[in-house]
PDB file of N, CA and C in Angstrom:
ATOM      1  N   UNK A   1      -9.497   0.539  -6.763  1.00  0.00           N
ATOM      2  CA  UNK A   1      -9.705  -0.030  -8.052  1.00  0.00           C
ATOM      3  C   UNK A   1     -10.682  -1.162  -7.994  1.00  0.00           C
ATOM      4  N   UNK A   2     -10.623  -1.988  -6.972  1.00  0.00           N
ATOM      5  CA  UNK A   2     -11.489  -3.140  -6.861  1.00  0.00           C
ATOM      6  C   UNK A   2     -12.955  -2.807  -6.645  1.00  0.00           C
ATOM      7  N   UNK A   3     -13.203  -1.607  -6.128  1.00  0.00           N
ATOM      8  CA  UNK A   3     -14.591  -1.169  -5.897  1.00  0.00           C
ATOM      9  C   UNK A   3     -14.991  -0.019  -6.813  1.00  0.00           C
ATOM     10  N   UNK A   4     -14.211   0.167  -7.888  1.00  0.00           N
ATOM     11  CA  UNK A   4     -14.494   1.253  -8.866  1.00  0.00           C
ATOM     12  C   UNK A   4     -14.541   2.598  -8.213  1.00  0.00           C
ATOM     13  N   UNK A   5     -13.650   2.855  -7.227  1.00  0.00           N
ATOM     14  CA  UNK A   5     -13.586   4.161  -6.559  1.00  0.00           C
ATOM     15  C   UNK A   5     -12.765   5.108  -7.416  1.00  0.00           C
ATOM     16  N   UNK A   6     -12.961   6.420  -7.236  1.00  0.00           N
ATOM     17  CA  UNK A   6     -12.130   7.377  -7.974  1.00  0.00           C
ATOM     18  C   UNK A   6     -10.620   7.097  -7.729  1.00  0.00           C
ATOM     19  N   UNK A   7      -9.842   7.171  -8.794  1.00  0.00           N
ATOM     20  CA  UNK A   7      -8.445   6.885  -8.714  1.00  0.00           C
ATOM     21  C   UNK A   7      -8.112   5.443  -9.045  1.00  0.00           C
ATOM     22  N   UNK A   8      -9.150   4.603  -9.159  1.00  0.00           N
ATOM     23  CA  UNK A   8      -8.943   3.174  -9.471  1.00  0.00           C
ATOM     24  C   UNK A   8      -8.278   2.990 -10.845  1.00  0.00           C
ATOM     25  N   UNK A   9      -8.601   3.845 -11.812  1.00  0.00           N
ATOM     26  CA  UNK A   9      -8.023   3.674 -13.126  1.00  0.00           C
ATOM     27  C   UNK A   9      -6.510   3.948 -13.065  1.00  0.00           C
ATOM     28  N   UNK A  10      -6.087   4.853 -12.233  1.00  0.00           N
ATOM     29  CA  UNK A  10      -4.654   5.143 -12.058  1.00  0.00           C
ATOM     30  C   UNK A  10      -3.975   3.944 -11.448  1.00  0.00           C
ATOM     31  N   UNK A  11      -4.554   3.355 -10.424  1.00  0.00           N
ATOM     32  CA  UNK A  11      -4.027   2.164  -9.756  1.00  0.00           C
ATOM     33  C   UNK A  11      -3.889   1.009 -10.732  1.00  0.00           C
ATOM     34  N   UNK A  12      -4.921   0.828 -11.550  1.00  0.00           N
ATOM     35  CA  UNK A  12      -4.850  -0.279 -12.547  1.00  0.00           C
ATOM     36  C   UNK A  12      -3.678  -0.106 -13.506  1.00  0.00           C
ATOM     37  N   UNK A  13      -3.462   1.134 -13.913  1.00  0.00           N
ATOM     38  CA  UNK A  13      -2.323   1.375 -14.832  1.00  0.00           C
ATOM     39  C   UNK A  13      -0.980   1.103 -14.165  1.00  0.00           C
ATOM     40  N   UNK A  14      -0.917   1.283 -12.842  1.00  0.00           N
ATOM     41  CA  UNK A  14       0.360   1.061 -12.128  1.00  0.00           C
ATOM     42  C   UNK A  14       0.648  -0.338 -11.754  1.00  0.00           C
ATOM     43  N   UNK A  15      -0.380  -1.217 -11.839  1.00  0.00           N
ATOM     44  CA  UNK A  15      -0.199  -2.616 -11.393  1.00  0.00           C
ATOM     45  C   UNK A  15       0.885  -3.336 -12.115  1.00  0.00           C
ATOM     46  N   UNK A  16       1.171  -3.005 -13.352  1.00  0.00           N
ATOM     47  CA  UNK A  16       2.210  -3.700 -14.114  1.00  0.00           C
ATOM     48  C   UNK A  16       3.604  -3.727 -13.441  1.00  0.00           C
ATOM     49  N   UNK A  17       3.827  -2.622 -12.714  1.00  0.00           N
ATOM     50  CA  UNK A  17       5.115  -2.534 -11.996  1.00  0.00           C
ATOM     51  C   UNK A  17       4.947  -2.334 -10.523  1.00  0.00           C
ATOM     52  N   UNK A  18       3.744  -2.634  -9.984  1.00  0.00           N
ATOM     53  CA  UNK A  18       3.485  -2.361  -8.564  1.00  0.00           C
ATOM     54  C   UNK A  18       3.997  -3.450  -7.649  1.00  0.00           C
ATOM     55  N   UNK A  19       4.366  -3.004  -6.451  1.00  0.00           N
ATOM     56  CA  UNK A  19       4.754  -3.896  -5.362  1.00  0.00           C
ATOM     57  C   UNK A  19       3.875  -3.582  -4.183  1.00  0.00           C
ATOM     58  N   UNK A  20       3.601  -4.608  -3.368  1.00  0.00           N
ATOM     59  CA  UNK A  20       2.856  -4.430  -2.157  1.00  0.00           C
ATOM     60  C   UNK A  20       3.389  -5.330  -1.070  1.00  0.00           C
ATOM     61  N   UNK A  21       3.525  -4.796   0.133  1.00  0.00           N
ATOM     62  CA  UNK A  21       4.005  -5.653   1.217  1.00  0.00           C
ATOM     63  C   UNK A  21       2.964  -6.600   1.643  1.00  0.00           C
ATOM     64  N   UNK A  22       3.360  -7.714   2.181  1.00  0.00           N
ATOM     65  CA  UNK A  22       2.426  -8.742   2.638  1.00  0.00           C
ATOM     66  C   UNK A  22       1.470  -8.203   3.719  1.00  0.00           C
ATOM     67  N   UNK A  23       1.918  -7.200   4.479  1.00  0.00           N
ATOM     68  CA  UNK A  23       1.011  -6.557   5.447  1.00  0.00           C
ATOM     69  C   UNK A  23      -0.119  -5.864   4.730  1.00  0.00           C
ATOM     70  N   UNK A  24       0.201  -5.099   3.681  1.00  0.00           N
ATOM     71  CA  UNK A  24      -0.843  -4.390   2.931  1.00  0.00           C
ATOM     72  C   UNK A  24      -1.665  -5.353   2.110  1.00  0.00           C
ATOM     73  N   UNK A  25      -1.078  -6.439   1.645  1.00  0.00           N
ATOM     74  CA  UNK A  25      -1.853  -7.458   0.935  1.00  0.00           C
ATOM     75  C   UNK A  25      -2.890  -8.047   1.861  1.00  0.00           C
ATOM     76  N   UNK A  26      -2.524  -8.222   3.149  1.00  0.00           N
ATOM     77  CA  UNK A  26      -3.436  -8.736   4.161  1.00  0.00           C
ATOM     78  C   UNK A  26      -4.672  -7.781   4.268  1.00  0.00           C
ATOM     79  N   UNK A  27      -4.387  -6.506   4.229  1.00  0.00           N
ATOM     80  CA  UNK A  27      -5.495  -5.529   4.300  1.00  0.00           C
ATOM     81  C   UNK A  27      -6.405  -5.650   3.069  1.00  0.00           C
ATOM     82  N   UNK A  28      -5.810  -5.783   1.915  1.00  0.00           N
ATOM     83  CA  UNK A  28      -6.583  -5.961   0.661  1.00  0.00           C
ATOM     84  C   UNK A  28      -7.471  -7.183   0.752  1.00  0.00           C
ATOM     85  N   UNK A  29      -6.850  -8.317   1.175  1.00  0.00           N
ATOM     86  CA  UNK A  29      -7.620  -9.563   1.244  1.00  0.00           C
ATOM     87  C   UNK A  29      -8.720  -9.504   2.283  1.00  0.00           C
ATOM     88  N   UNK A  30      -8.433  -8.824   3.389  1.00  0.00           N
ATOM     89  CA  UNK A  30      -9.474  -8.677   4.438  1.00  0.00           C
ATOM     90  C   UNK A  30     -10.648  -7.945   3.903  1.00  0.00           C
ATOM     91  N   UNK A  31     -10.441  -6.849   3.188  1.00  0.00           N
ATOM     92  CA  UNK A  31     -11.552  -6.091   2.562  1.00  0.00           C
ATOM     93  C   UNK A  31     -12.276  -7.011   1.524  1.00  0.00           C
ATOM     94  N   UNK A  32     -11.514  -7.720   0.750  1.00  0.00           N
ATOM     95  CA  UNK A  32     -12.118  -8.605  -0.273  1.00  0.00           C
ATOM     96  C   UNK A  32     -12.974  -9.667   0.379  1.00  0.00           C
ATOM     97  N   UNK A  33     -12.564 -10.191   1.512  1.00  0.00           N
ATOM     98  CA  UNK A  33     -13.417 -11.111   2.240  1.00  0.00           C
ATOM     99  C   UNK A  33     -14.692 -10.468   2.718  1.00  0.00           C
ATOM    100  N   UNK A  34     -14.568  -9.195   3.139  1.00  0.00           N
ATOM    101  CA  UNK A  34     -15.817  -8.510   3.543  1.00  0.00           C
ATOM    102  C   UNK A  34     -16.801  -8.400   2.380  1.00  0.00           C
ATOM    103  N   UNK A  35     -16.298  -8.280   1.158  1.00  0.00           N
ATOM    104  CA  UNK A  35     -17.145  -8.226  -0.021  1.00  0.00           C
ATOM    105  C   UNK A  35     -17.504  -9.578  -0.585  1.00  0.00           C
ATOM    106  N   UNK A  36     -17.036 -10.636   0.156  1.00  0.00           N
ATOM    107  CA  UNK A  36     -17.270 -12.018  -0.248  1.00  0.00           C
ATOM    108  C   UNK A  36     -16.609 -12.398  -1.554  1.00  0.00           C
ATOM    109  N   UNK A  37     -15.470 -11.784  -1.798  1.00  0.00           N
ATOM    110  CA  UNK A  37     -14.674 -12.091  -2.988  1.00  0.00           C
ATOM    111  C   UNK A  37     -13.905 -13.413  -2.816  1.00  0.00           C
ATOM    112  N   UNK A  38     -13.592 -14.076  -3.880  1.00  0.00           N
ATOM    113  CA  UNK A  38     -12.775 -15.286  -3.888  1.00  0.00           C
ATOM    114  C   UNK A  38     -11.337 -14.879  -3.879  1.00  0.00           C
ATOM    115  N   UNK A  39     -10.623 -15.213  -2.803  1.00  0.00           N
ATOM    116  CA  UNK A  39      -9.232 -14.780  -2.650  1.00  0.00           C
ATOM    117  C   UNK A  39      -8.314 -15.372  -3.687  1.00  0.00           C
ATOM    118  N   UNK A  40      -8.504 -16.611  -3.991  1.00  0.00           N
ATOM    119  CA  UNK A  40      -7.636 -17.232  -5.001  1.00  0.00           C
ATOM    120  C   UNK A  40      -7.730 -16.545  -6.349  1.00  0.00           C
ATOM    121  N   UNK A  41      -8.961 -16.232  -6.714  1.00  0.00           N
ATOM    122  CA  UNK A  41      -9.201 -15.507  -7.971  1.00  0.00           C
ATOM    123  C   UNK A  41      -8.531 -14.132  -7.913  1.00  0.00           C
ATOM    124  N   UNK A  42      -8.752 -13.425  -6.809  1.00  0.00           N
ATOM    125  CA  UNK A  42      -8.231 -12.080  -6.648  1.00  0.00           C
ATOM    126  C   UNK A  42      -6.690 -12.098  -6.756  1.00  0.00           C
ATOM    127  N   UNK A  43      -6.105 -13.021  -6.084  1.00  0.00           N
ATOM    128  CA  UNK A  43      -4.615 -13.080  -6.127  1.00  0.00           C
ATOM    129  C   UNK A  43      -4.111 -13.419  -7.545  1.00  0.00           C
ATOM    130  N   UNK A  44      -4.759 -14.330  -8.192  1.00  0.00           N
ATOM    131  CA  UNK A  44      -4.357 -14.719  -9.553  1.00  0.00           C
ATOM    132  C   UNK A  44      -4.564 -13.524 -10.526  1.00  0.00           C
ATOM    133  N   UNK A  45      -5.653 -12.846 -10.377  1.00  0.00           N
ATOM    134  CA  UNK A  45      -5.928 -11.700 -11.322  1.00  0.00           C
ATOM    135  C   UNK A  45      -4.935 -10.583 -11.117  1.00  0.00           C
ATOM    136  N   UNK A  46      -4.678 -10.219  -9.852  1.00  0.00           N
ATOM    137  CA  UNK A  46      -3.739  -9.085  -9.607  1.00  0.00           C
ATOM    138  C   UNK A  46      -2.310  -9.443  -9.936  1.00  0.00           C
ATOM    139  N   UNK A  47      -1.915 -10.647  -9.674  1.00  0.00           N
ATOM    140  CA  UNK A  47      -0.529 -11.026 -10.020  1.00  0.00           C
ATOM    141  C   UNK A  47      -0.373 -11.154 -11.526  1.00  0.00           C
ATOM    142  N   UNK A  48      -1.497 -11.566 -12.195  1.00  0.00           N
ATOM    143  CA  UNK A  48      -1.431 -11.619 -13.649  1.00  0.00           C
ATOM    144  C   UNK A  48      -1.270 -10.226 -14.246  1.00  0.00           C
ATOM    145  N   UNK A  49      -1.829  -9.241 -13.603  1.00  0.00           N
ATOM    146  CA  UNK A  49      -1.672  -7.838 -14.058  1.00  0.00           C
ATOM    147  C   UNK A  49      -0.327  -7.260 -13.683  1.00  0.00           C
ATOM    148  N   UNK A  50       0.463  -7.969 -12.896  1.00  0.00           N
ATOM    149  CA  UNK A  50       1.862  -7.535 -12.618  1.00  0.00           C
ATOM    150  C   UNK A  50       2.128  -7.261 -11.128  1.00  0.00           C
ATOM    151  N   UNK A  51       1.137  -7.275 -10.286  1.00  0.00           N
ATOM    152  CA  UNK A  51       1.325  -6.907  -8.884  1.00  0.00           C
ATOM    153  C   UNK A  51       2.244  -7.984  -8.221  1.00  0.00           C
ATOM    154  N   UNK A  52       3.273  -7.498  -7.518  1.00  0.00           N
ATOM    155  CA  UNK A  52       4.191  -8.377  -6.812  1.00  0.00           C
ATOM    156  C   UNK A  52       4.012  -8.184  -5.305  1.00  0.00           C
ATOM    157  N   UNK A  53       3.781  -9.280  -4.603  1.00  0.00           N
ATOM    158  CA  UNK A  53       3.601  -9.218  -3.167  1.00  0.00           C
ATOM    159  C   UNK A  53       4.911  -9.575  -2.485  1.00  0.00           C
ATOM    160  N   UNK A  54       5.381  -8.629  -1.672  1.00  0.00           N
ATOM    161  CA  UNK A  54       6.720  -8.754  -1.026  1.00  0.00           C
ATOM    162  C   UNK A  54       6.547  -9.234   0.401  1.00  0.00           C
ATOM    163  N   UNK A  55       7.476  -9.980   0.909  1.00  0.00           N
ATOM    164  CA  UNK A  55       7.506 -10.338   2.302  1.00  0.00           C
ATOM    165  C   UNK A  55       7.747  -9.108   3.157  1.00  0.00           C
ATOM    166  N   UNK A  56       7.168  -9.105   4.380  1.00  0.00           N
ATOM    167  CA  UNK A  56       7.373  -8.024   5.278  1.00  0.00           C
ATOM    168  C   UNK A  56       8.666  -8.331   6.101  1.00  0.00           C
ATOM    169  N   UNK A  57       9.744  -7.798   5.621  1.00  0.00           N
ATOM    170  CA  UNK A  57      11.062  -8.114   6.167  1.00  0.00           C
ATOM    171  C   UNK A  57      11.361  -7.362   7.472  1.00  0.00           C
ATOM    172  N   UNK A  58      12.370  -7.813   8.147  1.00  0.00           N
ATOM    173  CA  UNK A  58      12.782  -7.124   9.399  1.00  0.00           C
ATOM    174  C   UNK A  58      13.161  -5.679   9.121  1.00  0.00           C
ATOM    175  N   UNK A  59      13.813  -5.432   7.990  1.00  0.00           N
ATOM    176  CA  UNK A  59      14.205  -4.003   7.665  1.00  0.00           C
ATOM    177  C   UNK A  59      12.984  -3.135   7.502  1.00  0.00           C
ATOM    178  N   UNK A  60      11.999  -3.659   6.849  1.00  0.00           N
ATOM    179  CA  UNK A  60      10.744  -2.887   6.564  1.00  0.00           C
ATOM    180  C   UNK A  60       9.979  -2.786   7.896  1.00  0.00           C
ATOM    181  N   UNK A  61       9.991  -3.806   8.705  1.00  0.00           N
ATOM    182  CA  UNK A  61       9.297  -3.774  10.017  1.00  0.00           C
ATOM    183  C   UNK A  61       9.949  -2.676  10.874  1.00  0.00           C
ATOM    184  N   UNK A  62      11.242  -2.584  10.896  1.00  0.00           N
ATOM    185  CA  UNK A  62      11.939  -1.546  11.717  1.00  0.00           C
ATOM    186  C   UNK A  62      11.693  -0.172  11.129  1.00  0.00           C
ATOM    187  N   UNK A  63      11.647  -0.009   9.813  1.00  0.00           N
ATOM    188  CA  UNK A  63      11.351   1.278   9.257  1.00  0.00           C
ATOM    189  C   UNK A  63       9.908   1.669   9.551  1.00  0.00           C
ATOM    190  N   UNK A  64       8.983   0.711   9.567  1.00  0.00           N
ATOM    191  CA  UNK A  64       7.623   0.979   9.949  1.00  0.00           C
ATOM    192  C   UNK A  64       7.523   1.507  11.349  1.00  0.00           C
ATOM    193  N   UNK A  65       8.257   0.830  12.213  1.00  0.00           N
ATOM    194  CA  UNK A  65       8.221   1.288  13.662  1.00  0.00           C
ATOM    195  C   UNK A  65       8.797   2.680  13.793  1.00  0.00           C
ATOM    196  N   UNK A  66       9.824   3.004  13.025  1.00  0.00           N
ATOM    197  CA  UNK A  66      10.420   4.298  13.134  1.00  0.00           C
ATOM    198  C   UNK A  66       9.484   5.442  12.673  1.00  0.00           C
ATOM    199  N   UNK A  67       8.549   5.105  11.832  1.00  0.00           N
ATOM    200  CA  UNK A  67       7.633   6.088  11.293  1.00  0.00           C
ATOM    201  C   UNK A  67       6.472   6.420  12.311  1.00  0.00           C
ATOM    202  N   UNK A  68       6.360   5.679  13.346  1.00  0.00           N
ATOM    203  CA  UNK A  68       5.254   5.839  14.253  1.00  0.00           C
ATOM    204  C   UNK A  68       5.199   7.275  14.845  1.00  0.00           C
ATOM    205  N   UNK A  69       6.321   7.699  15.385  1.00  0.00           N
ATOM    206  CA  UNK A  69       6.339   9.006  15.999  1.00  0.00           C
ATOM    207  C   UNK A  69       6.010  10.164  15.032  1.00  0.00           C
ATOM    208  N   UNK A  70       6.490  10.039  13.831  1.00  0.00           N
ATOM    209  CA  UNK A  70       6.294  11.106  12.822  1.00  0.00           C
ATOM    210  C   UNK A  70       4.872  11.123  12.270  1.00  0.00           C
ATOM    211  N   UNK A  71       4.164  10.011  12.422  1.00  0.00           N
ATOM    212  CA  UNK A  71       2.822   9.893  11.801  1.00  0.00           C
ATOM    213  C   UNK A  71       1.708   9.748  12.822  1.00  0.00           C
ATOM    214  N   UNK A  72       2.035   9.685  14.061  1.00  0.00           N
ATOM    215  CA  UNK A  72       1.045   9.419  15.108  1.00  0.00           C
ATOM    216  C   UNK A  72      -0.102  10.474  15.118  1.00  0.00           C
ATOM    217  N   UNK A  73       0.277  11.745  15.051  1.00  0.00           N
ATOM    218  CA  UNK A  73      -0.752  12.795  15.092  1.00  0.00           C
ATOM    219  C   UNK A  73      -1.708  12.757  13.880  1.00  0.00           C
ATOM    220  N   UNK A  74      -1.250  12.237  12.792  1.00  0.00           N
ATOM    221  CA  UNK A  74      -2.097  12.133  11.581  1.00  0.00           C
ATOM    222  C   UNK A  74      -2.958  10.847  11.639  1.00  0.00           C
ATOM    223  N   UNK A  75      -2.666   9.974  12.636  1.00  0.00           N
ATOM    224  CA  UNK A  75      -3.523   8.777  12.822  1.00  0.00           C
ATOM    225  C   UNK A  75      -3.204   7.708  11.850  1.00  0.00           C
ATOM    226  N   UNK A  76      -2.047   7.634  11.323  1.00  0.00           N
ATOM    227  CA  UNK A  76      -1.725   6.546  10.369  1.00  0.00           C
ATOM    228  C   UNK A  76      -1.659   5.193  11.054  1.00  0.00           C
ATOM    229  N   UNK A  77      -2.235   4.223  10.359  1.00  0.00           N
ATOM    230  CA  UNK A  77      -2.284   2.851  10.937  1.00  0.00           C
ATOM    231  C   UNK A  77      -0.990   2.123  10.655  1.00  0.00           C
ATOM    232  N   UNK A  78      -0.901   0.923  11.186  1.00  0.00           N
ATOM    233  CA  UNK A  78       0.242   0.081  10.924  1.00  0.00           C
ATOM    234  C   UNK A  78       0.345  -0.187   9.437  1.00  0.00           C
ATOM    235  N   UNK A  79      -0.761  -0.432   8.795  1.00  0.00           N
ATOM    236  CA  UNK A  79      -0.763  -0.673   7.358  1.00  0.00           C
ATOM    237  C   UNK A  79      -0.305   0.518   6.535  1.00  0.00           C
ATOM    238  N   UNK A  80      -0.715   1.721   6.958  1.00  0.00           N
ATOM    239  CA  UNK A  80      -0.243   2.950   6.303  1.00  0.00           C
ATOM    240  C   UNK A  80       1.267   3.093   6.424  1.00  0.00           C
ATOM    241  N   UNK A  81       1.756   2.870   7.648  1.00  0.00           N
ATOM    242  CA  UNK A  81       3.195   2.970   7.887  1.00  0.00           C
ATOM    243  C   UNK A  81       3.981   1.871   7.143  1.00  0.00           C
ATOM    244  N   UNK A  82       3.399   0.667   7.048  1.00  0.00           N
ATOM    245  CA  UNK A  82       4.033  -0.415   6.328  1.00  0.00           C
ATOM    246  C   UNK A  82       4.185  -0.029   4.828  1.00  0.00           C
ATOM    247  N   UNK A  83       3.182   0.562   4.267  1.00  0.00           N
ATOM    248  CA  UNK A  83       3.255   1.000   2.891  1.00  0.00           C
ATOM    249  C   UNK A  83       4.354   2.083   2.707  1.00  0.00           C
ATOM    250  N   UNK A  84       4.352   3.066   3.593  1.00  0.00           N
ATOM    251  CA  UNK A  84       5.400   4.108   3.503  1.00  0.00           C
ATOM    252  C   UNK A  84       6.808   3.541   3.737  1.00  0.00           C
ATOM    253  N   UNK A  85       6.932   2.634   4.697  1.00  0.00           N
ATOM    254  CA  UNK A  85       8.226   2.040   4.985  1.00  0.00           C
ATOM    255  C   UNK A  85       8.723   1.204   3.768  1.00  0.00           C
ATOM    256  N   UNK A  86       7.840   0.439   3.190  1.00  0.00           N
ATOM    257  CA  UNK A  86       8.181  -0.389   2.013  1.00  0.00           C
ATOM    258  C   UNK A  86       8.729   0.498   0.936  1.00  0.00           C
ATOM    259  N   UNK A  87       8.030   1.612   0.639  1.00  0.00           N
ATOM    260  CA  UNK A  87       8.479   2.543  -0.361  1.00  0.00           C
ATOM    261  C   UNK A  87       9.819   3.127   0.025  1.00  0.00           C
ATOM    262  N   UNK A  88       9.997   3.521   1.284  1.00  0.00           N
ATOM    263  CA  UNK A  88      11.281   4.139   1.698  1.00  0.00           C
ATOM    264  C   UNK A  88      12.456   3.145   1.582  1.00  0.00           C
ATOM    265  N   UNK A  89      12.257   1.914   2.045  1.00  0.00           N
ATOM    266  CA  UNK A  89      13.284   0.946   1.995  1.00  0.00           C
ATOM    267  C   UNK A  89      13.724   0.607   0.520  1.00  0.00           C
ATOM    268  N   UNK A  90      12.727   0.550  -0.307  1.00  0.00           N
ATOM    269  CA  UNK A  90      13.004   0.202  -1.750  1.00  0.00           C
ATOM    270  C   UNK A  90      13.330   1.441  -2.602  1.00  0.00           C
ATOM    271  N   UNK A  91      13.183   2.604  -2.008  1.00  0.00           N
ATOM    272  CA  UNK A  91      13.469   3.805  -2.815  1.00  0.00           C
ATOM    273  C   UNK A  91      12.445   4.103  -3.919  1.00  0.00           C
ATOM    274  N   UNK A  92      11.182   3.697  -3.633  1.00  0.00           N
ATOM    275  CA  UNK A  92      10.113   3.859  -4.587  1.00  0.00           C
ATOM    276  C   UNK A  92       9.039   4.788  -4.076  1.00  0.00           C
ATOM    277  N   UNK A  93       8.174   5.355  -4.936  1.00  0.00           N
ATOM    278  CA  UNK A  93       7.119   6.169  -4.432  1.00  0.00           C
ATOM    279  C   UNK A  93       6.015   5.294  -3.752  1.00  0.00           C
ATOM    280  N   UNK A  94       5.407   5.917  -2.751  1.00  0.00           N
ATOM    281  CA  UNK A  94       4.191   5.302  -2.116  1.00  0.00           C
ATOM    282  C   UNK A  94       2.963   5.776  -2.821  1.00  0.00           C
ATOM    283  N   UNK A  95       2.072   4.950  -3.180  1.00  0.00           N
ATOM    284  CA  UNK A  95       0.860   5.360  -3.849  1.00  0.00           C
ATOM    285  C   UNK A  95      -0.323   5.266  -2.828  1.00  0.00           C
ATOM    286  N   UNK A  96      -1.119   6.340  -2.770  1.00  0.00           N
ATOM    287  CA  UNK A  96      -2.170   6.382  -1.752  1.00  0.00           C
ATOM    288  C   UNK A  96      -3.359   7.191  -2.285  1.00  0.00           C
ATOM    289  N   UNK A  97      -4.468   7.068  -1.586  1.00  0.00           N
ATOM    290  CA  UNK A  97      -5.599   7.994  -1.796  1.00  0.00           C
ATOM    291  C   UNK A  97      -5.744   8.933  -0.571  1.00  0.00           C
ATOM    292  N   UNK A  98      -4.822   8.803   0.370  1.00  0.00           N
ATOM    293  CA  UNK A  98      -4.880   9.595   1.585  1.00  0.00           C
ATOM    294  C   UNK A  98      -4.135  10.904   1.402  1.00  0.00           C
ATOM    295  N   UNK A  99      -4.887  11.980   1.361  1.00  0.00           N
ATOM    296  CA  UNK A  99      -4.354  13.307   1.064  1.00  0.00           C
ATOM    297  C   UNK A  99      -3.493  13.883   2.169  1.00  0.00           C
ATOM    298  N   UNK A 100      -3.459  13.239   3.355  1.00  0.00           N
ATOM    299  CA  UNK A 100      -2.683  13.724   4.467  1.00  0.00           C
ATOM    300  C   UNK A 100      -1.218  13.367   4.314  1.00  0.00           C
ATOM    301  N   UNK A 101      -0.937  12.201   3.698  1.00  0.00           N
ATOM    302  CA  UNK A 101       0.429  11.728   3.620  1.00  0.00           C
ATOM    303  C   UNK A 101       1.471  12.759   3.090  1.00  0.00           C
ATOM    304  N   UNK A 102       1.176  13.479   1.998  1.00  0.00           N
ATOM    305  CA  UNK A 102       2.203  14.435   1.527  1.00  0.00           C
ATOM    306  C   UNK A 102       2.537  15.576   2.552  1.00  0.00           C
ATOM    307  N   UNK A 103       1.583  15.837   3.438  1.00  0.00           N
ATOM    308  CA  UNK A 103       1.750  16.913   4.432  1.00  0.00           C
ATOM    309  C   UNK A 103       2.564  16.468   5.646  1.00  0.00           C
ATOM    310  N   UNK A 104       2.933  15.223   5.661  1.00  0.00           N
ATOM    311  CA  UNK A 104       3.683  14.676   6.833  1.00  0.00           C
ATOM    312  C   UNK A 104       5.141  15.095   6.837  1.00  0.00           C
ATOM    313  N   UNK A 105       5.670  15.565   5.714  1.00  0.00           N
ATOM    314  CA  UNK A 105       7.067  16.004   5.625  1.00  0.00           C
ATOM    315  C   UNK A 105       8.063  14.855   5.702  1.00  0.00           C
ATOM    316  N   UNK A 106       7.646  13.710   5.190  1.00  0.00           N
ATOM    317  CA  UNK A 106       8.534  12.563   5.283  1.00  0.00           C
ATOM    318  C   UNK A 106       9.459  12.545   4.039  1.00  0.00           C
ATOM    319  N   UNK A 107      10.669  11.980   4.140  1.00  0.00           N
ATOM    320  CA  UNK A 107      11.561  11.932   3.004  1.00  0.00           C
ATOM    321  C   UNK A 107      11.244  10.757   2.066  1.00  0.00           C
ATOM    322  N   UNK A 108       9.954  10.641   1.680  1.00  0.00           N
ATOM    323  CA  UNK A 108       9.465   9.556   0.855  1.00  0.00           C
ATOM    324  C   UNK A 108       8.602  10.214  -0.233  1.00  0.00           C
ATOM    325  N   UNK A 109       8.837   9.799  -1.431  1.00  0.00           N
ATOM    326  CA  UNK A 109       7.941  10.320  -2.537  1.00  0.00           C
ATOM    327  C   UNK A 109       6.587   9.719  -2.350  1.00  0.00           C
ATOM    328  N   UNK A 110       5.573  10.545  -2.350  1.00  0.00           N
ATOM    329  CA  UNK A 110       4.164  10.113  -2.156  1.00  0.00           C
ATOM    330  C   UNK A 110       3.382  10.616  -3.358  1.00  0.00           C
ATOM    331  N   UNK A 111       2.592   9.687  -3.940  1.00  0.00           N
ATOM    332  CA  UNK A 111       1.702  10.034  -5.065  1.00  0.00           C
ATOM    333  C   UNK A 111       0.279   9.781  -4.628  1.00  0.00           C
ATOM    334  N   UNK A 112      -0.531  10.823  -4.622  1.00  0.00           N
ATOM    335  CA  UNK A 112      -1.940  10.681  -4.290  1.00  0.00           C
ATOM    336  C   UNK A 112      -2.704  10.520  -5.594  1.00  0.00           C
ATOM    337  N   UNK A 113      -3.463   9.430  -5.658  1.00  0.00           N
ATOM    338  CA  UNK A 113      -4.197   9.104  -6.947  1.00  0.00           C
ATOM    339  C   UNK A 113      -5.554   9.652  -7.063  1.00  0.00           C
ATOM    340  N   UNK A 114      -6.019  10.310  -6.081  1.00  0.00           N
ATOM    341  CA  UNK A 114      -7.351  11.005  -6.273  1.00  0.00           C
ATOM    342  C   UNK A 114      -7.446  12.195  -5.354  1.00  0.00           C
TER     343      UNK A 114
END
């Protein structure tokens, strides 16, 4: 959404009720810094649109670790697994642009936005 990529309009519509783990927020802000974006502005804008940033709890950390074996062959990163684990722990769908995730056979609802 931040770079006007395909699927960004879907992400923008979801922000009103969206949650993101602090691990994944770190990834977003890292990319934003690469683009020389102002982090305070970015945080204020996205939270004003409804995005809620959640702490990376011990329960989510453990769920992230448990996903490693099931996702290793697909090359999922720690951030990818943190997103999936957050969704699993909260019983919510994981939103992604990665078309491989639904093929992993995980007991997590996954929505691919492009």
